[in-house]
Structure formats: C-alpha cells, structure tokens
Amino acid sequence: MSTGIPIVSTNVGGIKDTLVNEEDAILVEPGNADMLAKGILRIFSDNEYANKLGHSAFNKQFSQFSIESNAAHILKLYQYNNA
C-alpha cells in the first residue's frame, strides 16, 4: 500500500477489513487461481485502472494506517478513558 503499487490479493484474514475490492485492490477468494491470474492480467493490461488502485491504496495507507494516524487514534482513546 505504501508504495502505490496495485494490489492483487486473496480475500483472507484482515485483508478484507483493510482493502475494498475494485477500489483499493483486486481481491479474490482463496484457492481461485483463475481469478487471481485474471486480476494480475487486468493490472498489466489496464494502466489507468492499475494506477487508480495503487493511488487509492496509497492514500488509504497514509490517511488510516500511518504512524501519525495511529498515534492520534490512541491519544483519543486515552483522552476518552480519562474523561
């Protein structure tokens, strides 16, 4: 995400809680090699789409998962718990 490279991934674990299919990445169900291959081929054949996915993931990384964002979230938790 932090490099802006488009993501093709299986939809397992925390991935589905972090990325949105067709918005931040191409997500395929585990064990579906055909869909994984199609996702990879789509990235290589459609530069505009690949750039859109890469930029979206990059922006999400820095707006939701940066050190600054996490620190602000933790600070709010401490302030809420001490109120």
N, C-alpha and C. Protein backbone atom coordinates (compact mmCIF):
# COMPACT_ATOMS: atom_id res chain seq x y z
N MET A 1 0.82 -1.19 0.00
CA MET A 1 0.00 0.00 0.00
C MET A 1 0.87 1.25 0.00
N SER A 2 1.90 1.26 0.80
CA SER A 2 2.70 2.47 0.95
C SER A 2 3.56 2.78 -0.27
N THR A 3 3.66 1.86 -1.21
CA THR A 3 4.44 2.12 -2.42
C THR A 3 3.57 2.56 -3.59
N GLY A 4 2.25 2.41 -3.47
CA GLY A 4 1.36 2.78 -4.56
C GLY A 4 1.28 1.75 -5.66
N ILE A 5 1.88 0.59 -5.43
CA ILE A 5 1.80 -0.50 -6.42
C ILE A 5 0.44 -1.16 -6.29
N PRO A 6 -0.25 -1.40 -7.42
CA PRO A 6 -1.58 -2.02 -7.34
C PRO A 6 -1.52 -3.40 -6.69
N ILE A 7 -2.55 -3.71 -5.93
CA ILE A 7 -2.59 -4.94 -5.14
C ILE A 7 -3.57 -5.93 -5.74
N VAL A 8 -3.12 -7.17 -5.88
CA VAL A 8 -3.98 -8.30 -6.19
C VAL A 8 -3.74 -9.29 -5.05
N SER A 9 -4.80 -9.65 -4.33
CA SER A 9 -4.63 -10.47 -3.13
C SER A 9 -5.80 -11.41 -2.95
N THR A 10 -5.56 -12.44 -2.16
CA THR A 10 -6.67 -13.28 -1.74
C THR A 10 -7.40 -12.58 -0.60
N ASN A 11 -8.68 -12.82 -0.52
CA ASN A 11 -9.55 -12.15 0.45
C ASN A 11 -9.60 -12.97 1.74
N VAL A 12 -8.51 -12.90 2.51
CA VAL A 12 -8.41 -13.67 3.75
C VAL A 12 -8.01 -12.77 4.91
N GLY A 13 -8.28 -13.24 6.11
CA GLY A 13 -7.86 -12.54 7.32
C GLY A 13 -8.25 -11.09 7.34
N GLY A 14 -7.30 -10.25 7.73
CA GLY A 14 -7.55 -8.82 7.86
C GLY A 14 -7.56 -8.07 6.55
N ILE A 15 -7.20 -8.73 5.47
CA ILE A 15 -7.19 -8.08 4.16
C ILE A 15 -8.56 -7.50 3.85
N LYS A 16 -9.60 -8.30 4.07
CA LYS A 16 -10.96 -7.84 3.74
C LYS A 16 -11.43 -6.71 4.65
N ASP A 17 -10.77 -6.54 5.79
CA ASP A 17 -11.11 -5.43 6.68
C ASP A 17 -10.34 -4.16 6.35
N THR A 18 -9.31 -4.30 5.53
CA THR A 18 -8.43 -3.19 5.19
C THR A 18 -8.67 -2.65 3.79
N LEU A 19 -8.84 -3.56 2.84
CA LEU A 19 -8.97 -3.18 1.44
C LEU A 19 -10.38 -3.44 0.92
N VAL A 20 -10.79 -2.62 -0.04
CA VAL A 20 -12.09 -2.78 -0.68
C VAL A 20 -11.85 -3.26 -2.11
N ASN A 21 -12.51 -4.36 -2.48
CA ASN A 21 -12.37 -4.90 -3.82
C ASN A 21 -12.79 -3.88 -4.86
N GLU A 22 -11.98 -3.78 -5.90
CA GLU A 22 -12.21 -2.87 -7.03
C GLU A 22 -12.06 -1.39 -6.67
N GLU A 23 -11.72 -1.10 -5.41
CA GLU A 23 -11.48 0.29 -5.01
C GLU A 23 -10.02 0.50 -4.63
N ASP A 24 -9.51 -0.39 -3.77
CA ASP A 24 -8.11 -0.31 -3.33
C ASP A 24 -7.27 -1.45 -3.88
N ALA A 25 -7.92 -2.51 -4.30
CA ALA A 25 -7.21 -3.71 -4.72
C ALA A 25 -8.16 -4.62 -5.49
N ILE A 26 -7.59 -5.65 -6.07
CA ILE A 26 -8.40 -6.72 -6.61
C ILE A 26 -8.30 -7.85 -5.61
N LEU A 27 -9.44 -8.24 -5.04
CA LEU A 27 -9.48 -9.30 -4.05
C LEU A 27 -10.18 -10.51 -4.64
N VAL A 28 -9.56 -11.67 -4.49
CA VAL A 28 -10.15 -12.91 -5.00
C VAL A 28 -10.26 -13.90 -3.86
N GLU A 29 -11.18 -14.82 -3.99
CA GLU A 29 -11.36 -15.83 -2.96
C GLU A 29 -10.19 -16.81 -2.95
N PRO A 30 -9.81 -17.30 -1.77
CA PRO A 30 -8.70 -18.23 -1.67
C PRO A 30 -8.95 -19.47 -2.51
N GLY A 31 -7.90 -19.96 -3.13
CA GLY A 31 -7.97 -21.19 -3.92
C GLY A 31 -8.46 -20.98 -5.34
N ASN A 32 -8.80 -19.75 -5.71
CA ASN A 32 -9.31 -19.48 -7.05
C ASN A 32 -8.17 -18.92 -7.91
N ALA A 33 -7.35 -19.84 -8.41
CA ALA A 33 -6.17 -19.46 -9.19
C ALA A 33 -6.56 -18.74 -10.48
N ASP A 34 -7.66 -19.12 -11.09
CA ASP A 34 -8.09 -18.46 -12.32
C ASP A 34 -8.40 -16.99 -12.09
N MET A 35 -9.13 -16.69 -11.01
CA MET A 35 -9.45 -15.29 -10.72
C MET A 35 -8.21 -14.50 -10.32
N LEU A 36 -7.29 -15.15 -9.63
CA LEU A 36 -6.03 -14.49 -9.26
C LEU A 36 -5.26 -14.13 -10.53
N ALA A 37 -5.17 -15.06 -11.47
CA ALA A 37 -4.48 -14.80 -12.73
C ALA A 37 -5.18 -13.69 -13.52
N LYS A 38 -6.51 -13.70 -13.56
CA LYS A 38 -7.26 -12.65 -14.26
C LYS A 38 -7.01 -11.28 -13.63
N GLY A 39 -6.94 -11.24 -12.30
CA GLY A 39 -6.66 -9.99 -11.62
C GLY A 39 -5.28 -9.44 -11.97
N ILE A 40 -4.31 -10.32 -11.98
CA ILE A 40 -2.94 -9.91 -12.34
C ILE A 40 -2.88 -9.42 -13.77
N LEU A 41 -3.52 -10.16 -14.67
CA LEU A 41 -3.55 -9.76 -16.08
C LEU A 41 -4.25 -8.42 -16.26
N ARG A 42 -5.30 -8.17 -15.50
CA ARG A 42 -6.01 -6.89 -15.61
C ARG A 42 -5.10 -5.74 -15.20
N ILE A 43 -4.34 -5.93 -14.16
CA ILE A 43 -3.39 -4.89 -13.72
C ILE A 43 -2.40 -4.57 -14.83
N PHE A 44 -1.88 -5.60 -15.48
CA PHE A 44 -0.87 -5.39 -16.52
C PHE A 44 -1.47 -4.88 -17.83
N SER A 45 -2.75 -5.09 -18.05
CA SER A 45 -3.35 -4.69 -19.32
C SER A 45 -4.10 -3.36 -19.25
N ASP A 46 -4.35 -2.83 -18.05
CA ASP A 46 -5.11 -1.59 -17.91
C ASP A 46 -4.38 -0.65 -16.97
N ASN A 47 -3.49 0.16 -17.55
CA ASN A 47 -2.66 1.06 -16.73
C ASN A 47 -3.49 2.06 -15.93
N GLU A 48 -4.55 2.58 -16.52
CA GLU A 48 -5.38 3.56 -15.82
C GLU A 48 -6.02 2.93 -14.57
N TYR A 49 -6.54 1.73 -14.73
CA TYR A 49 -7.15 1.02 -13.60
C TYR A 49 -6.09 0.68 -12.54
N ALA A 50 -4.94 0.21 -12.99
CA ALA A 50 -3.85 -0.13 -12.07
C ALA A 50 -3.42 1.10 -11.27
N ASN A 51 -3.30 2.24 -11.94
CA ASN A 51 -2.91 3.47 -11.24
C ASN A 51 -3.97 3.89 -10.24
N LYS A 52 -5.25 3.76 -10.60
CA LYS A 52 -6.35 4.11 -9.69
C LYS A 52 -6.27 3.26 -8.42
N LEU A 53 -6.09 1.95 -8.57
CA LEU A 53 -5.99 1.07 -7.40
C LEU A 53 -4.78 1.43 -6.55
N GLY A 54 -3.64 1.63 -7.20
CA GLY A 54 -2.42 1.95 -6.47
C GLY A 54 -2.53 3.25 -5.70
N HIS A 55 -3.09 4.28 -6.33
CA HIS A 55 -3.25 5.57 -5.65
C HIS A 55 -4.25 5.47 -4.49
N SER A 56 -5.33 4.74 -4.70
CA SER A 56 -6.33 4.59 -3.65
C SER A 56 -5.74 3.89 -2.42
N ALA A 57 -5.01 2.81 -2.65
CA ALA A 57 -4.38 2.08 -1.53
C ALA A 57 -3.34 2.96 -0.84
N PHE A 58 -2.55 3.69 -1.63
CA PHE A 58 -1.53 4.57 -1.08
C PHE A 58 -2.17 5.63 -0.18
N ASN A 59 -3.23 6.26 -0.67
CA ASN A 59 -3.91 7.30 0.12
C ASN A 59 -4.53 6.72 1.39
N LYS A 60 -5.08 5.53 1.29
CA LYS A 60 -5.66 4.89 2.48
C LYS A 60 -4.57 4.57 3.50
N GLN A 61 -3.43 4.11 3.03
CA GLN A 61 -2.31 3.78 3.91
C GLN A 61 -1.94 4.99 4.77
N PHE A 62 -1.80 6.13 4.13
CA PHE A 62 -1.33 7.31 4.87
C PHE A 62 -2.44 8.03 5.62
N SER A 63 -3.69 7.85 5.22
CA SER A 63 -4.76 8.52 5.96
C SER A 63 -5.26 7.68 7.13
N GLN A 64 -5.20 6.35 7.02
CA GLN A 64 -5.76 5.49 8.05
C GLN A 64 -4.74 4.67 8.82
N PHE A 65 -3.58 4.41 8.24
CA PHE A 65 -2.64 3.47 8.86
C PHE A 65 -1.25 4.04 9.10
N SER A 66 -1.08 5.35 8.97
CA SER A 66 0.24 5.94 9.21
C SER A 66 0.52 5.97 10.71
N ILE A 67 1.76 6.22 11.06
CA ILE A 67 2.14 6.35 12.46
C ILE A 67 1.37 7.50 13.10
N GLU A 68 1.27 8.62 12.37
CA GLU A 68 0.56 9.78 12.88
C GLU A 68 -0.92 9.47 13.12
N SER A 69 -1.52 8.79 12.18
CA SER A 69 -2.94 8.43 12.30
C SER A 69 -3.16 7.49 13.49
N ASN A 70 -2.30 6.50 13.62
CA ASN A 70 -2.42 5.56 14.75
C ASN A 70 -2.18 6.26 16.08
N ALA A 71 -1.20 7.16 16.13
CA ALA A 71 -0.92 7.89 17.37
C ALA A 71 -2.11 8.77 17.76
N ALA A 72 -2.72 9.43 16.77
CA ALA A 72 -3.89 10.27 17.06
C ALA A 72 -5.05 9.41 17.57
N HIS A 73 -5.23 8.24 17.00
CA HIS A 73 -6.30 7.34 17.44
C HIS A 73 -6.06 6.87 18.89
N ILE A 74 -4.84 6.51 19.21
CA ILE A 74 -4.50 6.06 20.56
C ILE A 74 -4.68 7.20 21.56
N LEU A 75 -4.26 8.41 21.16
CA LEU A 75 -4.42 9.57 22.03
C LEU A 75 -5.90 9.81 22.33
N LYS A 76 -6.76 9.69 21.33
CA LYS A 76 -8.21 9.86 21.55
C LYS A 76 -8.74 8.81 22.52
N LEU A 77 -8.24 7.58 22.41
CA LEU A 77 -8.67 6.53 23.33
C LEU A 77 -8.30 6.86 24.77
N TYR A 78 -7.06 7.34 24.98
CA TYR A 78 -6.62 7.70 26.32
C TYR A 78 -7.42 8.90 26.85
N GLN A 79 -7.68 9.86 26.00
CA GLN A 79 -8.44 11.03 26.43
C GLN A 79 -9.87 10.64 26.79
N TYR A 80 -10.45 9.75 26.02
CA TYR A 80 -11.82 9.28 26.28
C TYR A 80 -11.88 8.51 27.60
N ASN A 81 -10.89 7.64 27.82
CA ASN A 81 -10.89 6.81 29.03
C ASN A 81 -10.57 7.61 30.29
N ASN A 82 -9.92 8.75 30.15
CA ASN A 82 -9.58 9.57 31.31
C ASN A 82 -10.61 10.66 31.57
N ALA A 83 -11.61 10.76 30.74
CA ALA A 83 -12.62 11.82 30.89
C ALA A 83 -13.62 11.48 31.98
